[in-house]
Amino acid sequence: MTSMLLGGACTVLGGFTAGRLARHSFLTHALAAGLLSLVVGLLIFPPDDGPYAGIVALLGYGSHLPLAALGGRLAARYRKA
């Protein structure tokens, strides 16, 4: 659970950073960073065989793109301020 929370925070930060560095198309760049994060996560971490493996995978991997989009939205909002 701690790994999922820390990874989610890093995904939001990655989306925010991608949006800020691009200075335009915040959401597109944030989603690209989220997709890259998702692919790297799938390659690095092997599938789990535990009793809650499906739920954990759904929450962990399914939240990458929405969290990256949140980072991009925060970057866009920060840019307007």
PDB file of N, CA and C in Angstrom:
ATOM      1  N   MET A   1       0.821  -1.189   0.000  1.00  0.00           N
ATOM      2  CA  MET A   1       0.000   0.000   0.000  1.00  0.00           C
ATOM      3  C   MET A   1       0.874   1.265   0.000  1.00  0.00           C
ATOM      4  N   THR A   2       1.936   1.231   0.783  1.00  0.00           N
ATOM      5  CA  THR A   2       2.837   2.375   0.835  1.00  0.00           C
ATOM      6  C   THR A   2       3.478   2.610  -0.530  1.00  0.00           C
ATOM      7  N   SER A   3       3.846   1.535  -1.183  1.00  0.00           N
ATOM      8  CA  SER A   3       4.453   1.645  -2.510  1.00  0.00           C
ATOM      9  C   SER A   3       3.471   2.244  -3.506  1.00  0.00           C
ATOM     10  N   MET A   4       2.207   1.854  -3.411  1.00  0.00           N
ATOM     11  CA  MET A   4       1.201   2.402  -4.313  1.00  0.00           C
ATOM     12  C   MET A   4       0.994   3.893  -4.063  1.00  0.00           C
ATOM     13  N   LEU A   5       0.965   4.297  -2.815  1.00  0.00           N
ATOM     14  CA  LEU A   5       0.777   5.720  -2.499  1.00  0.00           C
ATOM     15  C   LEU A   5       1.984   6.548  -2.943  1.00  0.00           C
ATOM     16  N   LEU A   6       3.172   6.052  -2.669  1.00  0.00           N
ATOM     17  CA  LEU A   6       4.375   6.773  -3.076  1.00  0.00           C
ATOM     18  C   LEU A   6       4.497   6.815  -4.598  1.00  0.00           C
ATOM     19  N   GLY A   7       4.188   5.702  -5.248  1.00  0.00           N
ATOM     20  CA  GLY A   7       4.213   5.670  -6.710  1.00  0.00           C
ATOM     21  C   GLY A   7       3.181   6.605  -7.314  1.00  0.00           C
ATOM     22  N   GLY A   8       1.997   6.676  -6.709  1.00  0.00           N
ATOM     23  CA  GLY A   8       0.963   7.593  -7.189  1.00  0.00           C
ATOM     24  C   GLY A   8       1.392   9.043  -7.049  1.00  0.00           C
ATOM     25  N   ALA A   9       2.025   9.362  -5.931  1.00  0.00           N
ATOM     26  CA  ALA A   9       2.516  10.728  -5.730  1.00  0.00           C
ATOM     27  C   ALA A   9       3.594  11.068  -6.756  1.00  0.00           C
ATOM     28  N   CYS A  10       4.455  10.112  -7.053  1.00  0.00           N
ATOM     29  CA  CYS A  10       5.498  10.342  -8.062  1.00  0.00           C
ATOM     30  C   CYS A  10       4.899  10.492  -9.453  1.00  0.00           C
ATOM     31  N   THR A  11       3.818   9.785  -9.737  1.00  0.00           N
ATOM     32  CA  THR A  11       3.150   9.911 -11.026  1.00  0.00           C
ATOM     33  C   THR A  11       2.515  11.298 -11.175  1.00  0.00           C
ATOM     34  N   VAL A  12       1.894  11.795 -10.122  1.00  0.00           N
ATOM     35  CA  VAL A  12       1.338  13.152 -10.154  1.00  0.00           C
ATOM     36  C   VAL A  12       2.463  14.160 -10.357  1.00  0.00           C
ATOM     37  N   LEU A  13       3.554  13.979  -9.647  1.00  0.00           N
ATOM     38  CA  LEU A  13       4.698  14.884  -9.789  1.00  0.00           C
ATOM     39  C   LEU A  13       5.285  14.803 -11.196  1.00  0.00           C
ATOM     40  N   GLY A  14       5.345  13.598 -11.754  1.00  0.00           N
ATOM     41  CA  GLY A  14       5.849  13.443 -13.117  1.00  0.00           C
ATOM     42  C   GLY A  14       4.946  14.125 -14.136  1.00  0.00           C
ATOM     43  N   GLY A  15       3.634  13.992 -13.973  1.00  0.00           N
ATOM     44  CA  GLY A  15       2.699  14.679 -14.865  1.00  0.00           C
ATOM     45  C   GLY A  15       2.804  16.188 -14.735  1.00  0.00           C
ATOM     46  N   PHE A  16       2.953  16.657 -13.512  1.00  0.00           N
ATOM     47  CA  PHE A  16       3.112  18.089 -13.265  1.00  0.00           C
ATOM     48  C   PHE A  16       4.397  18.604 -13.914  1.00  0.00           C
ATOM     49  N   THR A  17       5.482  17.879 -13.734  1.00  0.00           N
ATOM     50  CA  THR A  17       6.770  18.286 -14.291  1.00  0.00           C
ATOM     51  C   THR A  17       6.737  18.276 -15.816  1.00  0.00           C
ATOM     52  N   ALA A  18       6.131  17.247 -16.394  1.00  0.00           N
ATOM     53  CA  ALA A  18       6.033  17.185 -17.854  1.00  0.00           C
ATOM     54  C   ALA A  18       5.221  18.358 -18.391  1.00  0.00           C
ATOM     55  N   GLY A  19       4.139  18.682 -17.731  1.00  0.00           N
ATOM     56  CA  GLY A  19       3.331  19.817 -18.155  1.00  0.00           C
ATOM     57  C   GLY A  19       4.054  21.140 -18.009  1.00  0.00           C
ATOM     58  N   ARG A  20       4.757  21.296 -16.912  1.00  0.00           N
ATOM     59  CA  ARG A  20       5.483  22.557 -16.675  1.00  0.00           C
ATOM     60  C   ARG A  20       6.631  22.737 -17.659  1.00  0.00           C
ATOM     61  N   LEU A  21       7.342  21.659 -17.961  1.00  0.00           N
ATOM     62  CA  LEU A  21       8.464  21.772 -18.887  1.00  0.00           C
ATOM     63  C   LEU A  21       7.989  22.028 -20.313  1.00  0.00           C
ATOM     64  N   ALA A  22       6.852  21.471 -20.683  1.00  0.00           N
ATOM     65  CA  ALA A  22       6.338  21.639 -22.042  1.00  0.00           C
ATOM     66  C   ALA A  22       5.774  23.036 -22.268  1.00  0.00           C
ATOM     67  N   ARG A  23       5.168  23.615 -21.245  1.00  0.00           N
ATOM     68  CA  ARG A  23       4.589  24.961 -21.279  1.00  0.00           C
ATOM     69  C   ARG A  23       3.387  25.104 -22.216  1.00  0.00           C
ATOM     70  N   HIS A  24       2.920  24.013 -22.768  1.00  0.00           N
ATOM     71  CA  HIS A  24       1.690  24.007 -23.573  1.00  0.00           C
ATOM     72  C   HIS A  24       1.222  22.554 -23.642  1.00  0.00           C
ATOM     73  N   SER A  25       0.003  22.346 -24.029  1.00  0.00           N
ATOM     74  CA  SER A  25      -0.563  20.992 -24.107  1.00  0.00           C
ATOM     75  C   SER A  25      -0.261  20.209 -22.825  1.00  0.00           C
ATOM     76  N   PHE A  26      -0.594  20.809 -21.704  1.00  0.00           N
ATOM     77  CA  PHE A  26      -0.245  20.244 -20.403  1.00  0.00           C
ATOM     78  C   PHE A  26      -0.757  18.816 -20.250  1.00  0.00           C
ATOM     79  N   LEU A  27      -2.005  18.603 -20.600  1.00  0.00           N
ATOM     80  CA  LEU A  27      -2.609  17.291 -20.411  1.00  0.00           C
ATOM     81  C   LEU A  27      -1.953  16.241 -21.305  1.00  0.00           C
ATOM     82  N   THR A  28      -1.655  16.588 -22.535  1.00  0.00           N
ATOM     83  CA  THR A  28      -1.030  15.646 -23.464  1.00  0.00           C
ATOM     84  C   THR A  28       0.334  15.206 -22.953  1.00  0.00           C
ATOM     85  N   HIS A  29       1.136  16.139 -22.517  1.00  0.00           N
ATOM     86  CA  HIS A  29       2.466  15.808 -22.021  1.00  0.00           C
ATOM     87  C   HIS A  29       2.390  15.039 -20.695  1.00  0.00           C
ATOM     88  N   ALA A  30       1.445  15.400 -19.861  1.00  0.00           N
ATOM     89  CA  ALA A  30       1.285  14.686 -18.595  1.00  0.00           C
ATOM     90  C   ALA A  30       0.853  13.242 -18.842  1.00  0.00           C
ATOM     91  N   LEU A  31      -0.063  13.031 -19.784  1.00  0.00           N
ATOM     92  CA  LEU A  31      -0.495  11.673 -20.101  1.00  0.00           C
ATOM     93  C   LEU A  31       0.630  10.859 -20.737  1.00  0.00           C
ATOM     94  N   ALA A  32       1.480  11.492 -21.520  1.00  0.00           N
ATOM     95  CA  ALA A  32       2.638  10.796 -22.081  1.00  0.00           C
ATOM     96  C   ALA A  32       3.577  10.345 -20.962  1.00  0.00           C
ATOM     97  N   ALA A  33       3.780  11.209 -19.977  1.00  0.00           N
ATOM     98  CA  ALA A  33       4.617  10.835 -18.835  1.00  0.00           C
ATOM     99  C   ALA A  33       3.962   9.709 -18.030  1.00  0.00           C
ATOM    100  N   GLY A  34       2.650   9.760 -17.875  1.00  0.00           N
ATOM    101  CA  GLY A  34       1.935   8.703 -17.165  1.00  0.00           C
ATOM    102  C   GLY A  34       2.004   7.374 -17.899  1.00  0.00           C
ATOM    103  N   LEU A  35       1.900   7.417 -19.219  1.00  0.00           N
ATOM    104  CA  LEU A  35       2.000   6.196 -20.024  1.00  0.00           C
ATOM    105  C   LEU A  35       3.400   5.603 -19.928  1.00  0.00           C
ATOM    106  N   LEU A  36       4.403   6.447 -19.962  1.00  0.00           N
ATOM    107  CA  LEU A  36       5.779   5.970 -19.796  1.00  0.00           C
ATOM    108  C   LEU A  36       5.965   5.347 -18.417  1.00  0.00           C
ATOM    109  N   SER A  37       5.414   5.970 -17.402  1.00  0.00           N
ATOM    110  CA  SER A  37       5.480   5.441 -16.040  1.00  0.00           C
ATOM    111  C   SER A  37       4.777   4.088 -15.943  1.00  0.00           C
ATOM    112  N   LEU A  38       3.651   3.958 -16.609  1.00  0.00           N
ATOM    113  CA  LEU A  38       2.903   2.699 -16.603  1.00  0.00           C
ATOM    114  C   LEU A  38       3.697   1.587 -17.278  1.00  0.00           C
ATOM    115  N   VAL A  39       4.287   1.866 -18.416  1.00  0.00           N
ATOM    116  CA  VAL A  39       5.056   0.858 -19.141  1.00  0.00           C
ATOM    117  C   VAL A  39       6.273   0.418 -18.328  1.00  0.00           C
ATOM    118  N   VAL A  40       6.980   1.369 -17.740  1.00  0.00           N
ATOM    119  CA  VAL A  40       8.151   1.031 -16.919  1.00  0.00           C
ATOM    120  C   VAL A  40       7.723   0.211 -15.701  1.00  0.00           C
ATOM    121  N   GLY A  41       6.615   0.572 -15.090  1.00  0.00           N
ATOM    122  CA  GLY A  41       6.118  -0.187 -13.943  1.00  0.00           C
ATOM    123  C   GLY A  41       5.758  -1.614 -14.306  1.00  0.00           C
ATOM    124  N   LEU A  42       5.158  -1.804 -15.466  1.00  0.00           N
ATOM    125  CA  LEU A  42       4.813  -3.150 -15.921  1.00  0.00           C
ATOM    126  C   LEU A  42       6.055  -3.978 -16.226  1.00  0.00           C
ATOM    127  N   LEU A  43       7.089  -3.335 -16.730  1.00  0.00           N
ATOM    128  CA  LEU A  43       8.318  -4.048 -17.052  1.00  0.00           C
ATOM    129  C   LEU A  43       9.151  -4.388 -15.821  1.00  0.00           C
ATOM    130  N   ILE A  44       9.163  -3.497 -14.844  1.00  0.00           N
ATOM    131  CA  ILE A  44      10.018  -3.689 -13.671  1.00  0.00           C
ATOM    132  C   ILE A  44       9.401  -4.644 -12.653  1.00  0.00           C
ATOM    133  N   PHE A  45       8.123  -4.477 -12.359  1.00  0.00           N
ATOM    134  CA  PHE A  45       7.501  -5.262 -11.302  1.00  0.00           C
ATOM    135  C   PHE A  45       6.784  -6.476 -11.879  1.00  0.00           C
ATOM    136  N   PRO A  46       7.186  -7.660 -11.461  1.00  0.00           N
ATOM    137  CA  PRO A  46       6.531  -8.876 -11.958  1.00  0.00           C
ATOM    138  C   PRO A  46       5.123  -8.998 -11.379  1.00  0.00           C
ATOM    139  N   PRO A  47       4.248  -9.753 -12.055  1.00  0.00           N
ATOM    140  CA  PRO A  47       2.887  -9.931 -11.535  1.00  0.00           C
ATOM    141  C   PRO A  47       2.895 -10.652 -10.188  1.00  0.00           C
ATOM    142  N   ASP A  48       1.986 -10.281  -9.350  1.00  0.00           N
ATOM    143  CA  ASP A  48       1.872 -10.860  -8.010  1.00  0.00           C
ATOM    144  C   ASP A  48       0.862 -12.002  -8.047  1.00  0.00           C
ATOM    145  N   ASP A  49       1.121 -13.039  -7.261  1.00  0.00           N
ATOM    146  CA  ASP A  49       0.218 -14.183  -7.216  1.00  0.00           C
ATOM    147  C   ASP A  49      -0.587 -14.239  -5.925  1.00  0.00           C
ATOM    148  N   GLY A  50      -0.610 -13.154  -5.177  1.00  0.00           N
ATOM    149  CA  GLY A  50      -1.322 -13.129  -3.901  1.00  0.00           C
ATOM    150  C   GLY A  50      -2.824 -13.156  -4.072  1.00  0.00           C
ATOM    151  N   PRO A  51      -3.549 -13.273  -2.957  1.00  0.00           N
ATOM    152  CA  PRO A  51      -5.010 -13.373  -3.031  1.00  0.00           C
ATOM    153  C   PRO A  51      -5.694 -12.094  -3.539  1.00  0.00           C
ATOM    154  N   TYR A  52      -5.054 -10.972  -3.389  1.00  0.00           N
ATOM    155  CA  TYR A  52      -5.639  -9.704  -3.833  1.00  0.00           C
ATOM    156  C   TYR A  52      -4.901  -9.133  -5.037  1.00  0.00           C
ATOM    157  N   ALA A  53      -4.235  -9.964  -5.790  1.00  0.00           N
ATOM    158  CA  ALA A  53      -3.388  -9.505  -6.893  1.00  0.00           C
ATOM    159  C   ALA A  53      -4.184  -8.727  -7.939  1.00  0.00           C
ATOM    160  N   GLY A  54      -5.361  -9.186  -8.295  1.00  0.00           N
ATOM    161  CA  GLY A  54      -6.154  -8.502  -9.319  1.00  0.00           C
ATOM    162  C   GLY A  54      -6.598  -7.122  -8.900  1.00  0.00           C
ATOM    163  N   ILE A  55      -7.036  -7.000  -7.659  1.00  0.00           N
ATOM    164  CA  ILE A  55      -7.499  -5.704  -7.150  1.00  0.00           C
ATOM    165  C   ILE A  55      -6.339  -4.726  -7.034  1.00  0.00           C
ATOM    166  N   VAL A  56      -5.214  -5.221  -6.539  1.00  0.00           N
ATOM    167  CA  VAL A  56      -4.045  -4.363  -6.387  1.00  0.00           C
ATOM    168  C   VAL A  56      -3.545  -3.902  -7.755  1.00  0.00           C
ATOM    169  N   ALA A  57      -3.514  -4.802  -8.731  1.00  0.00           N
ATOM    170  CA  ALA A  57      -3.081  -4.425 -10.087  1.00  0.00           C
ATOM    171  C   ALA A  57      -4.041  -3.418 -10.696  1.00  0.00           C
ATOM    172  N   LEU A  58      -5.327  -3.628 -10.510  1.00  0.00           N
ATOM    173  CA  LEU A  58      -6.316  -2.702 -11.055  1.00  0.00           C
ATOM    174  C   LEU A  58      -6.167  -1.313 -10.451  1.00  0.00           C
ATOM    175  N   LEU A  59      -5.996  -1.250  -9.147  1.00  0.00           N
ATOM    176  CA  LEU A  59      -5.824   0.053  -8.492  1.00  0.00           C
ATOM    177  C   LEU A  59      -4.479   0.682  -8.832  1.00  0.00           C
ATOM    178  N   GLY A  60      -3.440  -0.123  -8.788  1.00  0.00           N
ATOM    179  CA  GLY A  60      -2.093   0.410  -9.019  1.00  0.00           C
ATOM    180  C   GLY A  60      -1.867   0.851 -10.445  1.00  0.00           C
ATOM    181  N   TYR A  61      -2.135  -0.035 -11.381  1.00  0.00           N
ATOM    182  CA  TYR A  61      -1.880   0.288 -12.782  1.00  0.00           C
ATOM    183  C   TYR A  61      -3.004   1.123 -13.383  1.00  0.00           C
ATOM    184  N   GLY A  62      -4.206   0.944 -12.905  1.00  0.00           N
ATOM    185  CA  GLY A  62      -5.332   1.701 -13.431  1.00  0.00           C
ATOM    186  C   GLY A  62      -5.335   3.162 -13.025  1.00  0.00           C
ATOM    187  N   SER A  63      -4.580   3.493 -12.007  1.00  0.00           N
ATOM    188  CA  SER A  63      -4.568   4.879 -11.531  1.00  0.00           C
ATOM    189  C   SER A  63      -3.448   5.710 -12.149  1.00  0.00           C
ATOM    190  N   HIS A  64      -2.564   5.103 -12.932  1.00  0.00           N
ATOM    191  CA  HIS A  64      -1.444   5.860 -13.494  1.00  0.00           C
ATOM    192  C   HIS A  64      -1.898   7.030 -14.367  1.00  0.00           C
ATOM    193  N   LEU A  65      -2.726   6.764 -15.330  1.00  0.00           N
ATOM    194  CA  LEU A  65      -3.122   7.837 -16.250  1.00  0.00           C
ATOM    195  C   LEU A  65      -3.981   8.911 -15.591  1.00  0.00           C
ATOM    196  N   PRO A  66      -4.959   8.550 -14.740  1.00  0.00           N
ATOM    197  CA  PRO A  66      -5.696   9.623 -14.056  1.00  0.00           C
ATOM    198  C   PRO A  66      -4.817  10.474 -13.139  1.00  0.00           C
ATOM    199  N   LEU A  67      -3.860   9.849 -12.475  1.00  0.00           N
ATOM    200  CA  LEU A  67      -2.975  10.622 -11.598  1.00  0.00           C
ATOM    201  C   LEU A  67      -2.043  11.523 -12.405  1.00  0.00           C
ATOM    202  N   ALA A  68      -1.561  11.031 -13.533  1.00  0.00           N
ATOM    203  CA  ALA A  68      -0.725  11.872 -14.397  1.00  0.00           C
ATOM    204  C   ALA A  68      -1.544  13.040 -14.951  1.00  0.00           C
ATOM    205  N   ALA A  69      -2.803  12.768 -15.316  1.00  0.00           N
ATOM    206  CA  ALA A  69      -3.679  13.841 -15.793  1.00  0.00           C
ATOM    207  C   ALA A  69      -3.908  14.883 -14.700  1.00  0.00           C
ATOM    208  N   LEU A  70      -4.023  14.433 -13.466  1.00  0.00           N
ATOM    209  CA  LEU A  70      -4.145  15.368 -12.341  1.00  0.00           C
ATOM    210  C   LEU A  70      -2.913  16.260 -12.257  1.00  0.00           C
ATOM    211  N   GLY A  71      -1.739  15.677 -12.427  1.00  0.00           N
ATOM    212  CA  GLY A  71      -0.513  16.476 -12.429  1.00  0.00           C
ATOM    213  C   GLY A  71      -0.495  17.493 -13.556  1.00  0.00           C
ATOM    214  N   GLY A  72      -0.962  17.095 -14.742  1.00  0.00           N
ATOM    215  CA  GLY A  72      -1.036  18.026 -15.864  1.00  0.00           C
ATOM    216  C   GLY A  72      -2.031  19.142 -15.621  1.00  0.00           C
ATOM    217  N   ARG A  73      -3.145  18.796 -14.992  1.00  0.00           N
ATOM    218  CA  ARG A  73      -4.148  19.827 -14.665  1.00  0.00           C
ATOM    219  C   ARG A  73      -3.594  20.812 -13.639  1.00  0.00           C
ATOM    220  N   LEU A  74      -2.864  20.307 -12.671  1.00  0.00           N
ATOM    221  CA  LEU A  74      -2.243  21.189 -11.683  1.00  0.00           C
ATOM    222  C   LEU A  74      -1.202  22.090 -12.343  1.00  0.00           C
ATOM    223  N   ALA A  75      -0.458  21.566 -13.313  1.00  0.00           N
ATOM    224  CA  ALA A  75       0.534  22.379 -14.027  1.00  0.00           C
ATOM    225  C   ALA A  75      -0.166  23.495 -14.808  1.00  0.00           C
ATOM    226  N   ALA A  76      -1.286  23.160 -15.456  1.00  0.00           N
ATOM    227  CA  ALA A  76      -2.033  24.173 -16.215  1.00  0.00           C
ATOM    228  C   ALA A  76      -2.591  25.238 -15.283  1.00  0.00           C
ATOM    229  N   ARG A  77      -3.107  24.811 -14.150  1.00  0.00           N
ATOM    230  CA  ARG A  77      -3.654  25.758 -13.182  1.00  0.00           C
ATOM    231  C   ARG A  77      -2.545  26.636 -12.608  1.00  0.00           C
ATOM    232  N   TYR A  78      -1.383  26.052 -12.341  1.00  0.00           N
ATOM    233  CA  TYR A  78      -0.252  26.800 -11.817  1.00  0.00           C
ATOM    234  C   TYR A  78       0.249  27.822 -12.849  1.00  0.00           C
ATOM    235  N   ARG A  79       0.182  27.448 -14.117  1.00  0.00           N
ATOM    236  CA  ARG A  79       0.638  28.334 -15.190  1.00  0.00           C
ATOM    237  C   ARG A  79      -0.274  29.563 -15.297  1.00  0.00           C
ATOM    238  N   LYS A  80      -1.586  29.379 -15.095  1.00  0.00           N
ATOM    239  CA  LYS A  80      -2.533  30.485 -15.193  1.00  0.00           C
ATOM    240  C   LYS A  80      -2.408  31.456 -14.017  1.00  0.00           C
ATOM    241  N   ALA A  81      -1.926  30.942 -12.884  1.00  0.00           N
ATOM    242  CA  ALA A  81      -1.840  31.785 -11.682  1.00  0.00           C
ATOM    243  C   ALA A  81      -0.668  32.723 -11.723  1.00  0.00           C
TER     244      ALA A  81
END
